[in-house]
Amino acid sequence: MVKLPTDYDVIVVGAGPAGSAAAYSLAKTGHQVLILERGKEPGSKNVYGGRIYPYSLSELIPEFLDDVPIQRHVSKESIMFMTEKASFQTTFSSDSSINHGFTAFRSEFDKWFANKAVEMGAELFTEVKVDNVVTDDKNCIIGIKSGDDEITSKLVIAADGATSIIAKKAGLRKQFHSEYFSVGIKEVIELSDSIINDRFSISDNNGAALVCVGSPTNYLRGGAFIYTNKSSLSLGLVVKGVDLVDKKIQVSSLMNNFKNHPDIHNLIKDGKILEYSAHLVPEAGFNMMPKLFNDGILVCGDAAGMLLNNGYTFRGVDLAISSGIAAAETFISSNHANDFSHSSLSTYEKLLYQHNVLTDIKKFKKGPKYMENPRLYSDYPKLICDIFENLYNVDGNSQSLVRNIVRRSIKNNNVSTINLILDSIKGANSL
């Protein structure tokens, strides 16, 4: 094992977007920063859907488009409600797509971002497992422990992912509830750029994002997605773990069913699987966030539960970067005062609101609870598909009025009108 150095201004645990954002900001302003990454290289341990919203990155590195390893700019957004044999899809497209995000591979993006921090002067060590925090006689955190090495610093930033060891060791993380997590799996499927452009009706460097609800998850709580890359597709599923256990369903079987659905099969046929990955996805939002700071420590990114799923956008990387920027700004403020106490570091929370991290997470805090409603994934995709099946069915009999088709579909699918109304109201109030 490499003998690690000691005595830094800041130790950042984790070289994901949050950690690299904090390290970049601090190193750029002349501070001594150490990044410790447990993976073989940044991005090797990170799994996500495939999409990044760029506003926070552009705040930190205005010229990032010059060399960032992106795949495509998302210009087309689609939501598909699916049964086994039918689907209904809504699509929005726009030429002004910069704020709709871009697709990227974390293995490339995280490596690029961490190297940007190193270029600014940060030190990066990979394949380092951080075991614990180091405290002084006042129980203030003054560094970390890795094996036999103790590394000291003025501040520790925990950016070590959704199951953060550092947040747990520091006594900041709440006890996780099984409902907080979903199981996510993803495949990267190779196809030529011309085939992708043709099948998704896109061109040049434009990309498409497709979210699917209903039969892909066997009507369990969750959804499926497809994102277009330059010469591949990122295709995956996210399903509540407790639902998989209760129904004794293997997520791999759901993936196979999803890929064999006629609408999806036509998009991916003749493709070659390049990559397979699986991970836990924290989805409880505001309700699962740990305490964000204490004497000598800040928590950011996935380690702080900073993810936002409101059904039509899935955000994590952008919030992680913003939280890393806020963590760096907090250190600079506390360093001026030479005070890294709980009280001084409370500035972090204020800055998270200023950067709209906690603003958005708190604004949509009812969203995760609403998204747990099983009817959203079972009753309503079936209802929507049935309505449109009958709307477009011309069989020689007298055609029904739209209102009668809707009423009949509601009755035939055993959907409670009261539940439908109440769910609509709750959705409007939470999303």
Protein backbone atom coordinates (compact mmCIF):
# COMPACT_ATOMS: atom_id res chain seq x y z
CA MET A 1 0.00 0.00 0.00
CA VAL A 2 1.19 3.50 -0.92
CA LYS A 3 2.21 5.54 2.10
CA LEU A 4 -0.14 8.50 2.14
CA PRO A 5 0.98 12.02 3.02
CA THR A 6 -0.43 14.02 5.90
CA ASP A 7 -1.64 17.50 6.70
CA TYR A 8 -4.01 19.04 4.17
CA ASP A 9 -6.45 21.87 4.21
CA VAL A 10 -9.22 19.56 3.01
CA ILE A 11 -9.57 15.82 2.49
CA VAL A 12 -12.25 14.89 -0.03
CA VAL A 13 -13.46 11.29 0.18
CA GLY A 14 -14.77 10.26 -3.21
CA ALA A 15 -13.82 11.42 -6.72
CA GLY A 16 -17.34 11.60 -8.12
CA PRO A 17 -18.94 14.86 -9.34
CA ALA A 18 -19.45 16.27 -5.81
CA GLY A 19 -15.92 15.49 -4.65
CA SER A 20 -14.26 16.73 -7.83
CA ALA A 21 -16.32 19.94 -7.80
CA ALA A 22 -15.23 20.67 -4.23
CA ALA A 23 -11.60 19.75 -4.95
CA TYR A 24 -11.49 21.82 -8.16
CA SER A 25 -12.93 24.89 -6.42
CA LEU A 26 -10.54 24.63 -3.48
CA ALA A 27 -7.40 23.83 -5.47
CA LYS A 28 -8.14 26.69 -7.85
CA THR A 29 -8.11 29.09 -4.91
CA GLY A 30 -4.73 27.80 -3.73
CA HIS A 31 -5.71 25.35 -0.99
CA GLN A 32 -4.08 21.99 -0.34
CA VAL A 33 -6.59 19.32 -1.26
CA LEU A 34 -6.38 15.54 -1.15
CA ILE A 35 -8.91 13.38 -3.02
CA LEU A 36 -9.22 9.74 -1.99
CA GLU A 37 -11.06 7.38 -4.33
CA ARG A 38 -11.77 3.73 -3.56
CA GLY A 39 -12.07 2.73 -7.21
CA LYS A 40 -9.25 1.89 -9.56
CA GLU A 41 -9.89 5.26 -11.16
CA PRO A 42 -12.58 7.96 -10.89
CA GLY A 43 -15.85 6.70 -12.34
CA SER A 44 -15.01 3.01 -12.09
CA LYS A 45 -17.40 2.52 -9.15
CA ASN A 46 -20.16 4.84 -10.30
CA VAL A 47 -23.35 3.79 -12.00
CA TYR A 48 -26.12 6.15 -13.11
CA GLY A 49 -28.73 6.52 -15.84
CA GLY A 50 -26.59 8.44 -18.29
CA ARG A 51 -27.68 12.10 -18.24
CA ILE A 52 -26.17 15.28 -16.80
CA TYR A 53 -27.67 18.77 -16.56
CA PRO A 54 -24.82 21.22 -17.23
CA TYR A 55 -25.76 24.46 -15.44
CA SER A 56 -23.73 23.72 -12.28
CA LEU A 57 -20.71 22.57 -14.26
CA SER A 58 -20.80 25.70 -16.41
CA GLU A 59 -20.82 27.80 -13.23
CA LEU A 60 -17.60 26.11 -12.14
CA ILE A 61 -15.88 25.66 -15.51
CA PRO A 62 -17.44 28.05 -18.07
CA GLU A 63 -15.36 26.58 -20.90
CA PHE A 64 -16.17 22.93 -20.05
CA LEU A 65 -17.61 22.20 -23.50
CA ASP A 66 -14.13 22.61 -24.98
CA ASP A 67 -13.04 19.17 -23.81
CA VAL A 68 -15.70 17.48 -21.65
CA PRO A 69 -16.35 13.91 -22.88
CA ILE A 70 -20.07 14.16 -23.62
CA GLN A 71 -22.05 11.89 -25.92
CA ARG A 72 -25.08 13.85 -27.15
CA HIS A 73 -27.09 16.93 -26.23
CA VAL A 74 -30.64 15.89 -25.31
CA SER A 75 -33.08 17.60 -27.68
CA LYS A 76 -36.00 15.16 -27.53
CA GLU A 77 -37.91 14.11 -24.39
CA SER A 78 -40.43 11.27 -24.39
CA ILE A 79 -42.61 9.51 -21.83
CA MET A 80 -44.13 6.16 -22.78
CA PHE A 81 -46.95 4.40 -20.92
CA MET A 82 -46.80 0.70 -21.67
CA THR A 83 -48.72 -2.54 -21.42
CA GLU A 84 -47.43 -5.84 -22.76
CA LYS A 85 -48.83 -5.22 -26.25
CA ALA A 86 -49.54 -1.50 -26.44
CA SER A 87 -48.01 1.87 -25.65
CA PHE A 88 -48.83 5.56 -25.61
CA GLN A 89 -46.00 8.04 -26.02
CA THR A 90 -45.74 11.80 -25.58
CA THR A 91 -42.75 13.59 -27.10
CA PHE A 92 -41.31 17.06 -26.79
CA SER A 93 -38.41 18.29 -28.90
CA SER A 94 -36.54 21.56 -28.97
CA ASP A 95 -33.57 23.12 -30.72
CA SER A 96 -32.80 25.06 -27.53
CA SER A 97 -31.60 22.01 -25.67
CA ILE A 98 -28.58 23.22 -23.66
CA ASN A 99 -30.51 23.11 -20.37
CA HIS A 100 -32.05 19.74 -21.20
CA GLY A 101 -28.70 18.16 -20.42
CA PHE A 102 -26.33 15.85 -22.20
CA THR A 103 -25.60 12.14 -22.09
CA ALA A 104 -22.22 10.94 -20.88
CA PHE A 105 -20.42 7.93 -19.46
CA ARG A 106 -19.44 8.36 -15.83
CA SER A 107 -16.24 6.39 -16.43
CA GLU A 108 -15.17 9.14 -18.85
CA PHE A 109 -16.82 12.13 -17.20
CA ASP A 110 -15.61 11.46 -13.64
CA LYS A 111 -12.06 10.84 -14.85
CA TRP A 112 -12.12 14.10 -16.80
CA PHE A 113 -13.52 16.05 -13.84
CA ALA A 114 -11.06 14.64 -11.31
CA ASN A 115 -8.18 15.39 -13.68
CA LYS A 116 -9.41 18.99 -13.91
CA ALA A 117 -9.08 19.20 -10.11
CA VAL A 118 -5.59 17.70 -10.31
CA GLU A 119 -4.63 20.27 -12.97
CA MET A 120 -5.62 22.96 -10.46
CA GLY A 121 -3.28 21.44 -7.87
CA ALA A 122 -5.32 18.82 -6.02
CA GLU A 123 -3.71 15.47 -5.22
CA LEU A 124 -5.56 12.30 -6.16
CA PHE A 125 -5.00 8.81 -4.77
CA THR A 126 -7.05 5.90 -6.10
CA GLU A 127 -7.72 2.42 -4.69
CA VAL A 128 -7.77 3.86 -1.19
CA LYS A 129 -10.43 2.60 1.20
CA VAL A 130 -11.25 5.08 3.93
CA ASP A 131 -12.15 3.17 7.09
CA ASN A 132 -12.97 5.86 9.62
CA VAL A 133 -12.64 9.48 10.66
CA VAL A 134 -10.03 10.80 13.07
CA THR A 135 -11.18 13.02 15.93
CA ASP A 136 -9.42 15.17 18.52
CA ASP A 137 -10.06 15.19 22.26
CA LYS A 138 -13.12 17.41 21.71
CA ASN A 139 -14.60 14.91 19.24
CA CYS A 140 -13.99 17.29 16.34
CA ILE A 141 -13.12 15.51 13.09
CA ILE A 142 -9.55 16.32 12.07
CA GLY A 143 -8.91 13.76 9.33
CA ILE A 144 -9.46 10.21 8.13
CA LYS A 145 -8.04 6.76 8.70
CA SER A 146 -7.14 4.38 5.89
CA GLY A 147 -5.61 1.14 7.06
CA ASP A 148 -2.68 2.12 9.27
CA ASP A 149 -2.52 5.64 7.86
CA GLU A 150 -4.01 8.66 9.55
CA ILE A 151 -4.27 11.77 7.41
CA THR A 152 -5.07 15.08 9.04
CA SER A 153 -6.86 18.10 7.66
CA LYS A 154 -8.84 21.16 8.67
CA LEU A 155 -11.96 19.74 7.03
CA VAL A 156 -13.23 16.42 5.68
CA ILE A 157 -15.74 16.40 2.84
CA ALA A 158 -17.71 13.17 2.59
CA ALA A 159 -18.56 12.58 -1.07
CA ASP A 160 -18.36 8.80 -1.00
CA GLY A 161 -21.73 7.85 -2.44
CA ALA A 162 -25.21 6.81 -1.39
CA THR A 163 -24.10 4.39 1.33
CA SER A 164 -21.45 6.79 2.67
CA ILE A 165 -19.14 5.12 5.19
CA ILE A 166 -17.78 8.50 6.29
CA ALA A 167 -21.21 9.96 7.06
CA LYS A 168 -21.99 6.82 9.05
CA LYS A 169 -18.70 6.86 10.97
CA ALA A 170 -19.19 10.54 11.72
CA GLY A 171 -22.61 9.79 13.21
CA LEU A 172 -24.44 11.93 10.64
CA ARG A 173 -26.34 9.36 8.61
CA LYS A 174 -29.82 8.25 9.53
CA GLN A 175 -30.70 4.60 9.69
CA PHE A 176 -31.73 3.62 6.20
CA HIS A 177 -35.21 2.24 5.57
CA SER A 178 -35.60 -0.35 2.81
CA GLU A 179 -38.29 1.84 1.19
CA TYR A 180 -35.65 4.48 0.55
CA PHE A 181 -33.88 2.43 -2.10
CA SER A 182 -34.62 1.07 -5.54
CA VAL A 183 -32.59 -1.43 -7.53
CA GLY A 184 -31.21 -0.12 -10.78
CA ILE A 185 -29.71 -2.06 -13.68
CA LYS A 186 -28.33 -0.70 -16.92
CA GLU A 187 -27.02 -2.05 -20.20
CA VAL A 188 -25.03 -0.16 -22.79
CA ILE A 189 -25.99 -1.44 -26.23
CA GLU A 190 -23.80 -0.73 -29.25
CA LEU A 191 -25.44 0.61 -32.40
CA SER A 192 -24.09 2.82 -35.16
CA ASP A 193 -24.79 6.53 -34.92
CA SER A 194 -26.71 6.42 -38.22
CA ILE A 195 -29.03 3.69 -36.94
CA ILE A 196 -29.60 5.59 -33.68
CA ASN A 197 -30.37 8.78 -35.59
CA ASP A 198 -32.82 6.95 -37.83
CA ARG A 199 -34.65 5.04 -35.09
CA PHE A 200 -34.97 8.01 -32.75
CA SER A 201 -35.52 10.61 -35.49
CA ILE A 202 -32.58 12.75 -34.42
CA SER A 203 -29.57 14.14 -36.25
CA ASP A 204 -26.03 15.37 -35.76
CA ASN A 205 -25.12 15.57 -32.06
CA ASN A 206 -28.72 15.68 -30.87
CA GLY A 207 -29.95 13.01 -28.48
CA ALA A 208 -33.15 11.52 -27.12
CA ALA A 209 -34.33 10.58 -23.64
CA LEU A 210 -37.16 8.07 -23.22
CA VAL A 211 -38.83 7.23 -19.88
CA CYS A 212 -41.17 4.21 -19.76
CA VAL A 213 -43.80 3.33 -17.15
CA GLY A 214 -46.00 0.28 -16.71
CA SER A 215 -45.24 -3.19 -18.04
CA PRO A 216 -41.40 -2.80 -18.07
CA THR A 217 -41.44 -3.07 -14.27
CA ASN A 218 -44.31 -5.58 -14.23
CA TYR A 219 -46.42 -2.64 -13.00
CA LEU A 220 -44.30 -2.34 -9.87
CA ARG A 221 -43.10 1.02 -8.56
CA GLY A 222 -40.34 2.21 -10.86
CA GLY A 223 -39.64 2.80 -14.50
CA ALA A 224 -37.39 2.17 -17.46
CA PHE A 225 -35.28 4.49 -19.57
CA ILE A 226 -33.31 4.78 -22.79
CA TYR A 227 -30.73 7.50 -23.44
CA THR A 228 -28.92 7.88 -26.74
CA ASN A 229 -25.13 8.09 -26.88
CA LYS A 230 -22.94 8.65 -29.94
CA SER A 231 -22.78 4.99 -30.95
CA SER A 232 -24.72 3.23 -28.22
CA LEU A 233 -27.84 3.30 -26.08
CA SER A 234 -28.00 3.40 -22.29
CA LEU A 235 -30.98 1.25 -21.39
CA GLY A 236 -32.09 0.41 -17.88
CA LEU A 237 -34.67 -0.18 -15.18
CA VAL A 238 -35.16 1.18 -11.67
CA VAL A 239 -37.56 -0.73 -9.38
CA LYS A 240 -38.35 -0.52 -5.68
CA GLY A 241 -36.29 -3.20 -3.96
CA VAL A 242 -39.03 -4.16 -1.48
CA ASP A 243 -41.45 -4.73 -4.38
CA LEU A 244 -39.02 -7.11 -6.06
CA VAL A 245 -38.66 -9.05 -2.81
CA ASP A 246 -42.41 -9.12 -2.13
CA LYS A 247 -43.23 -10.34 -5.64
CA LYS A 248 -40.15 -12.60 -5.85
CA ILE A 249 -39.18 -11.10 -9.20
CA GLN A 250 -35.66 -10.93 -10.59
CA VAL A 251 -34.84 -7.53 -12.02
CA SER A 252 -32.94 -9.26 -14.84
CA SER A 253 -36.19 -10.91 -16.01
CA LEU A 254 -37.85 -7.49 -16.09
CA MET A 255 -35.02 -6.20 -18.26
CA ASN A 256 -35.49 -9.06 -20.71
CA ASN A 257 -39.23 -8.39 -20.91
CA PHE A 258 -38.58 -4.69 -21.47
CA LYS A 259 -36.13 -5.36 -24.28
CA ASN A 260 -38.57 -7.78 -25.93
CA HIS A 261 -41.49 -5.35 -25.94
CA PRO A 262 -42.25 -4.63 -29.62
CA ASP A 263 -41.68 -0.88 -29.32
CA ILE A 264 -38.37 -1.32 -27.49
CA HIS A 265 -37.17 -4.26 -29.55
CA ASN A 266 -37.46 -2.16 -32.69
CA LEU A 267 -35.20 0.47 -31.13
CA ILE A 268 -32.45 -1.90 -29.96
CA LYS A 269 -32.55 -4.80 -32.44
CA ASP A 270 -29.19 -6.01 -33.77
CA GLY A 271 -27.45 -4.14 -30.95
CA LYS A 272 -24.50 -5.60 -29.06
CA ILE A 273 -24.34 -5.44 -25.26
CA LEU A 274 -21.13 -3.65 -24.28
CA GLU A 275 -21.66 -3.17 -20.57
CA TYR A 276 -23.89 -4.33 -17.72
CA SER A 277 -24.11 -2.71 -14.29
CA ALA A 278 -26.36 -2.71 -11.23
CA HIS A 279 -26.60 -0.56 -8.11
CA LEU A 280 -28.82 0.77 -5.34
CA VAL A 281 -30.60 4.04 -6.05
CA PRO A 282 -31.56 6.31 -3.10
CA GLU A 283 -34.94 7.82 -3.95
CA ALA A 284 -36.41 9.22 -0.76
CA GLY A 285 -35.05 12.70 -1.41
CA PHE A 286 -35.39 15.15 1.47
CA ASN A 287 -36.67 12.45 3.84
CA MET A 288 -33.48 10.39 3.71
CA MET A 289 -30.95 13.18 3.90
CA PRO A 290 -28.41 12.84 6.73
CA LYS A 291 -27.21 15.69 8.88
CA LEU A 292 -25.15 17.70 6.43
CA PHE A 293 -22.43 19.07 8.71
CA ASN A 294 -20.75 18.78 12.07
CA ASP A 295 -17.46 19.79 13.65
CA GLY A 296 -14.84 19.31 10.93
CA ILE A 297 -17.00 17.61 8.30
CA LEU A 298 -19.43 18.33 5.43
CA VAL A 299 -21.49 15.80 3.46
CA CYS A 300 -22.41 16.35 -0.19
CA GLY A 301 -23.69 14.65 -3.35
CA ASP A 302 -25.15 11.15 -3.15
CA ALA A 303 -23.68 10.77 0.34
CA ALA A 304 -26.12 13.49 1.40
CA GLY A 305 -29.05 11.95 -0.50
CA MET A 306 -29.06 14.84 -2.98
CA LEU A 307 -31.11 13.21 -5.70
CA LEU A 308 -34.38 14.42 -7.16
CA ASN A 309 -36.89 12.27 -9.05
CA ASN A 310 -40.14 14.00 -9.83
CA GLY A 311 -41.22 11.56 -12.54
CA TYR A 312 -40.22 13.66 -15.52
CA THR A 313 -36.67 14.67 -14.54
CA PHE A 314 -34.08 12.59 -12.74
CA ARG A 315 -31.37 14.74 -11.19
CA GLY A 316 -28.27 13.80 -9.26
CA VAL A 317 -25.01 14.87 -10.92
CA ASP A 318 -25.99 18.55 -11.20
CA LEU A 319 -27.03 18.68 -7.53
CA ALA A 320 -23.81 16.89 -6.56
CA ILE A 321 -21.66 19.45 -8.39
CA SER A 322 -23.54 22.35 -6.84
CA SER A 323 -23.17 20.83 -3.37
CA GLY A 324 -19.42 20.42 -3.97
CA ILE A 325 -19.17 24.09 -4.92
CA ALA A 326 -21.11 25.03 -1.77
CA ALA A 327 -18.82 22.83 0.35
CA ALA A 328 -15.74 24.60 -1.04
CA GLU A 329 -17.27 28.02 -0.39
CA THR A 330 -18.06 26.94 3.16
CA PHE A 331 -14.46 25.91 3.76
CA ILE A 332 -13.15 29.23 2.46
CA SER A 333 -15.48 31.13 4.78
CA SER A 334 -14.60 28.99 7.81
CA ASN A 335 -10.90 29.12 7.00
CA HIS A 336 -10.95 32.92 7.08
CA ALA A 337 -12.37 32.69 10.59
CA ASN A 338 -10.10 29.74 11.49
CA ASP A 339 -13.20 28.04 12.81
CA PHE A 340 -14.39 24.64 11.64
CA SER A 341 -16.95 24.08 14.35
CA HIS A 342 -20.51 23.01 13.78
CA SER A 343 -21.62 26.61 14.12
CA SER A 344 -19.18 27.94 11.55
CA LEU A 345 -19.89 25.18 9.05
CA SER A 346 -23.63 25.85 9.26
CA THR A 347 -22.96 28.31 6.43
CA TYR A 348 -23.02 25.22 4.22
CA GLU A 349 -26.79 24.85 4.56
CA LYS A 350 -27.35 28.50 3.61
CA LEU A 351 -25.14 28.09 0.55
CA LEU A 352 -27.00 24.94 -0.50
CA TYR A 353 -30.15 27.03 -0.61
CA GLN A 354 -28.38 29.77 -2.55
CA HIS A 355 -27.24 27.22 -5.12
CA ASN A 356 -30.82 25.86 -5.28
CA VAL A 357 -29.81 22.39 -4.10
CA LEU A 358 -31.89 22.31 -0.94
CA THR A 359 -34.34 24.74 -2.52
CA ASP A 360 -35.36 22.21 -5.16
CA ILE A 361 -35.05 19.11 -2.98
CA LYS A 362 -37.26 20.70 -0.31
CA LYS A 363 -39.68 22.11 -2.90
CA PHE A 364 -40.31 18.60 -4.20
CA LYS A 365 -40.07 16.83 -0.83
CA LYS A 366 -43.61 15.48 -1.22
CA GLY A 367 -42.68 14.06 -4.60
CA PRO A 368 -40.99 10.82 -3.44
CA LYS A 369 -44.01 9.95 -1.28
CA TYR A 370 -46.36 10.64 -4.16
CA MET A 371 -44.19 8.61 -6.54
CA GLU A 372 -44.60 5.61 -4.21
CA ASN A 373 -48.28 5.37 -5.17
CA PRO A 374 -48.58 1.94 -6.89
CA ARG A 375 -51.52 3.12 -9.04
CA LEU A 376 -49.13 5.36 -11.00
CA TYR A 377 -47.36 2.26 -12.31
CA SER A 378 -50.21 -0.24 -12.59
CA ASP A 379 -53.68 1.27 -13.05
CA TYR A 380 -52.89 4.41 -15.00
CA PRO A 381 -50.55 3.08 -17.73
CA LYS A 382 -53.17 0.41 -18.48
CA LEU A 383 -55.95 3.01 -18.45
CA ILE A 384 -54.12 5.41 -20.79
CA CYS A 385 -53.29 2.65 -23.29
CA ASP A 386 -56.86 1.32 -23.19
CA ILE A 387 -58.36 4.78 -23.81
CA PHE A 388 -56.20 5.38 -26.88
CA GLU A 389 -56.69 1.81 -28.12
CA ASN A 390 -60.42 2.52 -28.25
CA LEU A 391 -60.07 6.07 -29.57
CA TYR A 392 -58.37 4.81 -32.70
CA ASN A 393 -60.42 1.63 -33.09
CA VAL A 394 -62.76 1.89 -36.09
CA ASP A 395 -64.55 -1.44 -36.59
CA GLY A 396 -67.71 -0.51 -38.50
CA ASN A 397 -69.82 -0.06 -35.40
CA SER A 398 -71.07 3.36 -34.38
CA GLN A 399 -68.11 5.26 -32.94
CA SER A 400 -68.35 6.27 -29.29
CA LEU A 401 -67.98 9.77 -27.95
CA VAL A 402 -64.64 10.43 -26.28
CA ARG A 403 -66.23 10.90 -22.86
CA ASN A 404 -67.95 7.54 -23.17
CA ILE A 405 -64.68 5.84 -24.17
CA VAL A 406 -62.97 7.32 -21.13
CA ARG A 407 -65.79 6.27 -18.80
CA ARG A 408 -65.82 2.74 -20.21
CA SER A 409 -62.04 2.41 -19.94
CA ILE A 410 -62.13 3.59 -16.32
CA LYS A 411 -64.80 0.97 -15.55
CA ASN A 412 -63.14 -1.87 -17.50
CA ASN A 413 -59.79 -1.27 -15.81
CA ASN A 414 -61.33 -1.14 -12.34
CA VAL A 415 -59.99 2.35 -11.74
CA SER A 416 -61.67 4.26 -8.96
CA THR A 417 -62.83 7.65 -10.19
CA ILE A 418 -62.34 9.05 -6.70
CA ASN A 419 -58.76 7.73 -6.55
CA LEU A 420 -58.10 9.16 -10.01
CA ILE A 421 -59.29 12.61 -8.93
CA LEU A 422 -57.44 12.49 -5.62
CA ASP A 423 -54.22 11.25 -7.23
CA SER A 424 -54.42 14.07 -9.76
CA ILE A 425 -54.81 16.63 -6.99
CA LYS A 426 -51.98 15.11 -4.94
CA GLY A 427 -49.73 15.05 -7.99
CA ALA A 428 -50.46 18.70 -8.72
CA ASN A 429 -49.64 19.62 -5.12
CA SER A 430 -46.43 17.59 -4.84
CA LEU A 431 -44.94 17.96 -8.30
